[in-house]
Every structure is written in C-alpha cells, then in structure tokens.
C-alpha cells in the first residue's frame, strides 16, 4: 500500500479516510457533538482495509483464451487486455476492482460480485466487444 500511496497520494489518502469513517462506531451520546455521531475506531478501520485487500491479483496480463477466475474474497484486475475473442469471467464473493482494463477484438468481460464492482481509471470496451455485471 505504501508504494501505491507514493504513486497516487491523493487517491490513497481518500481511501484511508473512507476506511477510517467506515470503521467508526455510532455513539448516540455524541449526537450534535461530532460529525455523524461517530467515534473513530482504529480496529474497525484496519478490519475494513484488510477486507478490501485482494485475495487474487490479476495484474499485467494479456488474455487471449477464455478464463474463469473465482475467489471467496476480493479480486483485483489491473493492466489487463482481453483480446482475440476471449471471455474473462470473474466470480467473487466480495468486491471486484478493475483498473486499466481494455476489452477488444470481440472479447467479453463478465463480472459476478457478491459485493461492489469498482471500475477505476483506464477501463475501456471497444466496439464489438462486451462487458457485463451480473
């Protein structure tokens, strides 16, 4: 995560802020005293960061044959090109994070996520190719 921070500090700072706020505890006694009546909870924040980590990192790949990737946790896909009519199917019980992915040459990307699908920068589906979230 430190290397990712160095390459994009603003994005990672927002991510840390989100984990801090998501891990906060609701305390009714704090109504009107602090924003959202929440107390920061470091353990809750770390638990959220750990849950956001990827069980499978599918990075710097060119996919020219059809593949199915499954995980009981999160899947991260980064710097991937799907080409030559291939189908890449990702099945995750939690989140799927996609960044810098190109679907080209009549290829398909199919995502099944039990949690969120996060489409980051550089995601592109060229004409004749397809993308679906199910």
C-alpha atoms as a PDB file:
ATOM      1  CA  UNK A   1       0.000   0.000   0.000  1.00  0.00           C
ATOM      2  CA  UNK A   2       2.941   2.348   0.648  1.00  0.00           C
ATOM      3  CA  UNK A   3       4.113   2.045  -2.964  1.00  0.00           C
ATOM      4  CA  UNK A   4       0.556   2.737  -4.174  1.00  0.00           C
ATOM      5  CA  UNK A   5       0.486   5.836  -1.933  1.00  0.00           C
ATOM      6  CA  UNK A   6       3.686   7.136  -3.474  1.00  0.00           C
ATOM      7  CA  UNK A   7       2.287   6.781  -6.984  1.00  0.00           C
ATOM      8  CA  UNK A   8      -1.095   8.401  -6.187  1.00  0.00           C
ATOM      9  CA  UNK A   9      -1.154  10.042  -2.737  1.00  0.00           C
ATOM     10  CA  UNK A  10      -4.472  11.892  -3.139  1.00  0.00           C
ATOM     11  CA  UNK A  11      -6.388   8.728  -4.087  1.00  0.00           C
ATOM     12  CA  UNK A  12      -4.856   6.678  -1.283  1.00  0.00           C
ATOM     13  CA  UNK A  13      -5.479   9.437   1.281  1.00  0.00           C
ATOM     14  CA  UNK A  14      -9.176   9.377   0.354  1.00  0.00           C
ATOM     15  CA  UNK A  15      -9.149   5.593   0.660  1.00  0.00           C
ATOM     16  CA  UNK A  16      -7.649   5.783   4.161  1.00  0.00           C
ATOM     17  CA  UNK A  17     -10.228   8.433   5.120  1.00  0.00           C
ATOM     18  CA  UNK A  18     -13.031   6.188   3.826  1.00  0.00           C
ATOM     19  CA  UNK A  19     -11.754   3.227   5.863  1.00  0.00           C
ATOM     20  CA  UNK A  20     -11.472   5.397   8.985  1.00  0.00           C
ATOM     21  CA  UNK A  21     -15.036   6.654   8.596  1.00  0.00           C
ATOM     22  CA  UNK A  22     -16.440   3.244   7.598  1.00  0.00           C
ATOM     23  CA  UNK A  23     -14.847   1.658  10.668  1.00  0.00           C
ATOM     24  CA  UNK A  24     -16.172   4.299  13.091  1.00  0.00           C
ATOM     25  CA  UNK A  25     -18.654   3.449  15.840  1.00  0.00           C
ATOM     26  CA  UNK A  26     -22.062   5.124  16.138  1.00  0.00           C
ATOM     27  CA  UNK A  27     -22.356   6.588  19.633  1.00  0.00           C
ATOM     28  CA  UNK A  28     -25.735   8.193  20.427  1.00  0.00           C
ATOM     29  CA  UNK A  29     -24.203  10.258  23.239  1.00  0.00           C
ATOM     30  CA  UNK A  30     -22.140  12.065  20.574  1.00  0.00           C
ATOM     31  CA  UNK A  31     -25.247  13.364  18.747  1.00  0.00           C
ATOM     32  CA  UNK A  32     -24.666  17.028  17.930  1.00  0.00           C
ATOM     33  CA  UNK A  33     -21.113  16.979  19.280  1.00  0.00           C
ATOM     34  CA  UNK A  34     -19.223  15.350  16.384  1.00  0.00           C
ATOM     35  CA  UNK A  35     -19.988  14.719  12.726  1.00  0.00           C
ATOM     36  CA  UNK A  36     -22.365  11.809  12.195  1.00  0.00           C
ATOM     37  CA  UNK A  37     -22.260  10.956  15.932  1.00  0.00           C
ATOM     38  CA  UNK A  38     -19.337   8.636  15.290  1.00  0.00           C
ATOM     39  CA  UNK A  39     -16.175   7.804  17.207  1.00  0.00           C
ATOM     40  CA  UNK A  40     -13.105   6.676  15.266  1.00  0.00           C
ATOM     41  CA  UNK A  41     -12.284   3.016  15.790  1.00  0.00           C
ATOM     42  CA  UNK A  42      -8.770   2.041  14.647  1.00  0.00           C
ATOM     43  CA  UNK A  43      -9.580  -1.671  14.827  1.00  0.00           C
ATOM     44  CA  UNK A  44     -12.668  -1.179  12.664  1.00  0.00           C
ATOM     45  CA  UNK A  45     -10.613   0.788  10.125  1.00  0.00           C
ATOM     46  CA  UNK A  46      -7.902  -1.885   9.928  1.00  0.00           C
ATOM     47  CA  UNK A  47     -10.543  -4.584   9.579  1.00  0.00           C
ATOM     48  CA  UNK A  48     -12.019  -2.635   6.644  1.00  0.00           C
ATOM     49  CA  UNK A  49      -8.620  -2.250   4.975  1.00  0.00           C
ATOM     50  CA  UNK A  50      -7.945  -5.942   5.395  1.00  0.00           C
ATOM     51  CA  UNK A  51     -11.329  -6.799   3.866  1.00  0.00           C
ATOM     52  CA  UNK A  52     -10.528  -4.533   0.903  1.00  0.00           C
ATOM     53  CA  UNK A  53      -7.278  -6.368   0.191  1.00  0.00           C
ATOM     54  CA  UNK A  54      -7.377  -8.630  -2.811  1.00  0.00           C
ATOM     55  CA  UNK A  55      -7.246 -12.383  -2.483  1.00  0.00           C
ATOM     56  CA  UNK A  56      -6.418 -12.612  -6.190  1.00  0.00           C
ATOM     57  CA  UNK A  57      -4.343 -10.015  -8.035  1.00  0.00           C
ATOM     58  CA  UNK A  58      -4.681 -10.438 -11.792  1.00  0.00           C
ATOM     59  CA  UNK A  59      -2.107  -7.894 -12.986  1.00  0.00           C
ATOM     60  CA  UNK A  60      -0.239  -7.153 -16.234  1.00  0.00           C
ATOM     61  CA  UNK A  61      -1.890  -9.920 -18.256  1.00  0.00           C
ATOM     62  CA  UNK A  62      -2.945 -10.306 -21.873  1.00  0.00           C
ATOM     63  CA  UNK A  63      -5.902 -12.689 -22.054  1.00  0.00           C
ATOM     64  CA  UNK A  64      -6.239 -14.374 -25.457  1.00  0.00           C
ATOM     65  CA  UNK A  65      -8.016 -17.558 -24.306  1.00  0.00           C
ATOM     66  CA  UNK A  66     -11.155 -17.776 -22.190  1.00  0.00           C
ATOM     67  CA  UNK A  67     -10.586 -17.952 -18.427  1.00  0.00           C
ATOM     68  CA  UNK A  68     -12.722 -18.181 -15.284  1.00  0.00           C
ATOM     69  CA  UNK A  69     -11.301 -16.843 -12.020  1.00  0.00           C
ATOM     70  CA  UNK A  70     -13.117 -17.394  -8.728  1.00  0.00           C
ATOM     71  CA  UNK A  71     -12.477 -16.192  -5.187  1.00  0.00           C
ATOM     72  CA  UNK A  72     -14.261 -16.289  -1.843  1.00  0.00           C
ATOM     73  CA  UNK A  73     -12.769 -12.857  -1.236  1.00  0.00           C
ATOM     74  CA  UNK A  74     -11.918  -9.822  -3.404  1.00  0.00           C
ATOM     75  CA  UNK A  75     -10.425  -9.856  -6.899  1.00  0.00           C
ATOM     76  CA  UNK A  76      -8.261  -7.049  -8.300  1.00  0.00           C
ATOM     77  CA  UNK A  77      -7.689  -6.740 -12.046  1.00  0.00           C
ATOM     78  CA  UNK A  78      -5.143  -4.189 -13.231  1.00  0.00           C
ATOM     79  CA  UNK A  79      -3.356  -3.532 -16.540  1.00  0.00           C
ATOM     80  CA  UNK A  80      -5.140  -6.308 -18.441  1.00  0.00           C
ATOM     81  CA  UNK A  81      -6.069  -6.581 -22.119  1.00  0.00           C
ATOM     82  CA  UNK A  82      -8.709  -9.113 -23.175  1.00  0.00           C
ATOM     83  CA  UNK A  83      -8.387  -9.880 -26.868  1.00  0.00           C
ATOM     84  CA  UNK A  84      -8.817 -12.422 -29.695  1.00  0.00           C
ATOM     85  CA  UNK A  85     -12.456 -13.195 -28.879  1.00  0.00           C
ATOM     86  CA  UNK A  86     -11.605 -14.406 -25.366  1.00  0.00           C
ATOM     87  CA  UNK A  87     -14.006 -14.254 -22.408  1.00  0.00           C
ATOM     88  CA  UNK A  88     -12.686 -13.400 -18.949  1.00  0.00           C
ATOM     89  CA  UNK A  89     -15.193 -14.292 -16.212  1.00  0.00           C
ATOM     90  CA  UNK A  90     -14.510 -13.128 -12.657  1.00  0.00           C
ATOM     91  CA  UNK A  91     -16.566 -14.507  -9.760  1.00  0.00           C
ATOM     92  CA  UNK A  92     -16.010 -13.030  -6.284  1.00  0.00           C
ATOM     93  CA  UNK A  93     -17.992 -13.378  -3.076  1.00  0.00           C
ATOM     94  CA  UNK A  94     -16.929  -9.830  -2.199  1.00  0.00           C
ATOM     95  CA  UNK A  95     -15.660  -6.942  -4.349  1.00  0.00           C
ATOM     96  CA  UNK A  96     -14.101  -6.824  -7.803  1.00  0.00           C
ATOM     97  CA  UNK A  97     -11.737  -3.917  -8.506  1.00  0.00           C
ATOM     98  CA  UNK A  98     -10.965  -3.166 -12.167  1.00  0.00           C
ATOM     99  CA  UNK A  99      -8.371  -0.639 -13.353  1.00  0.00           C
ATOM    100  CA  UNK A 100      -6.669  -0.096 -16.730  1.00  0.00           C
ATOM    101  CA  UNK A 101      -8.532  -2.904 -18.483  1.00  0.00           C
ATOM    102  CA  UNK A 102      -9.242  -2.991 -22.209  1.00  0.00           C
ATOM    103  CA  UNK A 103     -11.756  -5.377 -23.793  1.00  0.00           C
ATOM    104  CA  UNK A 104     -11.089  -5.581 -27.543  1.00  0.00           C
ATOM    105  CA  UNK A 105     -11.437  -7.715 -30.705  1.00  0.00           C
ATOM    106  CA  UNK A 106     -14.903  -9.216 -29.999  1.00  0.00           C
ATOM    107  CA  UNK A 107     -13.932 -10.239 -26.472  1.00  0.00           C
ATOM    108  CA  UNK A 108     -16.038 -10.255 -23.277  1.00  0.00           C
ATOM    109  CA  UNK A 109     -15.566  -9.385 -19.625  1.00  0.00           C
ATOM    110  CA  UNK A 110     -18.187 -10.811 -17.242  1.00  0.00           C
ATOM    111  CA  UNK A 111     -18.192  -9.888 -13.551  1.00  0.00           C
ATOM    112  CA  UNK A 112     -20.147 -11.659 -10.799  1.00  0.00           C
ATOM    113  CA  UNK A 113     -19.611  -9.831  -7.492  1.00  0.00           C
ATOM    114  CA  UNK A 114     -21.229 -10.505  -4.140  1.00  0.00           C
ATOM    115  CA  UNK A 115     -20.092  -7.007  -3.109  1.00  0.00           C
ATOM    116  CA  UNK A 116     -19.222  -3.939  -5.131  1.00  0.00           C
ATOM    117  CA  UNK A 117     -17.729  -3.631  -8.602  1.00  0.00           C
ATOM    118  CA  UNK A 118     -15.264  -0.745  -8.655  1.00  0.00           C
ATOM    119  CA  UNK A 119     -14.362   0.447 -12.151  1.00  0.00           C
ATOM    120  CA  UNK A 120     -11.257   2.597 -11.914  1.00  0.00           C
ATOM    121  CA  UNK A 121      -9.440   4.678 -14.468  1.00  0.00           C
ATOM    122  CA  UNK A 122      -8.499   3.355 -17.867  1.00  0.00           C
ATOM    123  CA  UNK A 123     -11.436   0.954 -18.296  1.00  0.00           C
ATOM    124  CA  UNK A 124     -12.367   0.629 -21.972  1.00  0.00           C
ATOM    125  CA  UNK A 125     -14.653  -1.635 -24.005  1.00  0.00           C
ATOM    126  CA  UNK A 126     -14.081  -1.292 -27.737  1.00  0.00           C
ATOM    127  CA  UNK A 127     -16.872  -1.648 -30.335  1.00  0.00           C
ATOM    128  CA  UNK A 128     -17.778  -5.277 -30.995  1.00  0.00           C
ATOM    129  CA  UNK A 129     -16.675  -6.349 -27.505  1.00  0.00           C
ATOM    130  CA  UNK A 130     -18.860  -6.571 -24.397  1.00  0.00           C
ATOM    131  CA  UNK A 131     -18.881  -6.072 -20.656  1.00  0.00           C
ATOM    132  CA  UNK A 132     -21.483  -7.145 -18.123  1.00  0.00           C
ATOM    133  CA  UNK A 133     -22.020  -7.160 -14.372  1.00  0.00           C
ATOM    134  CA  UNK A 134     -24.305  -9.885 -13.051  1.00  0.00           C
END
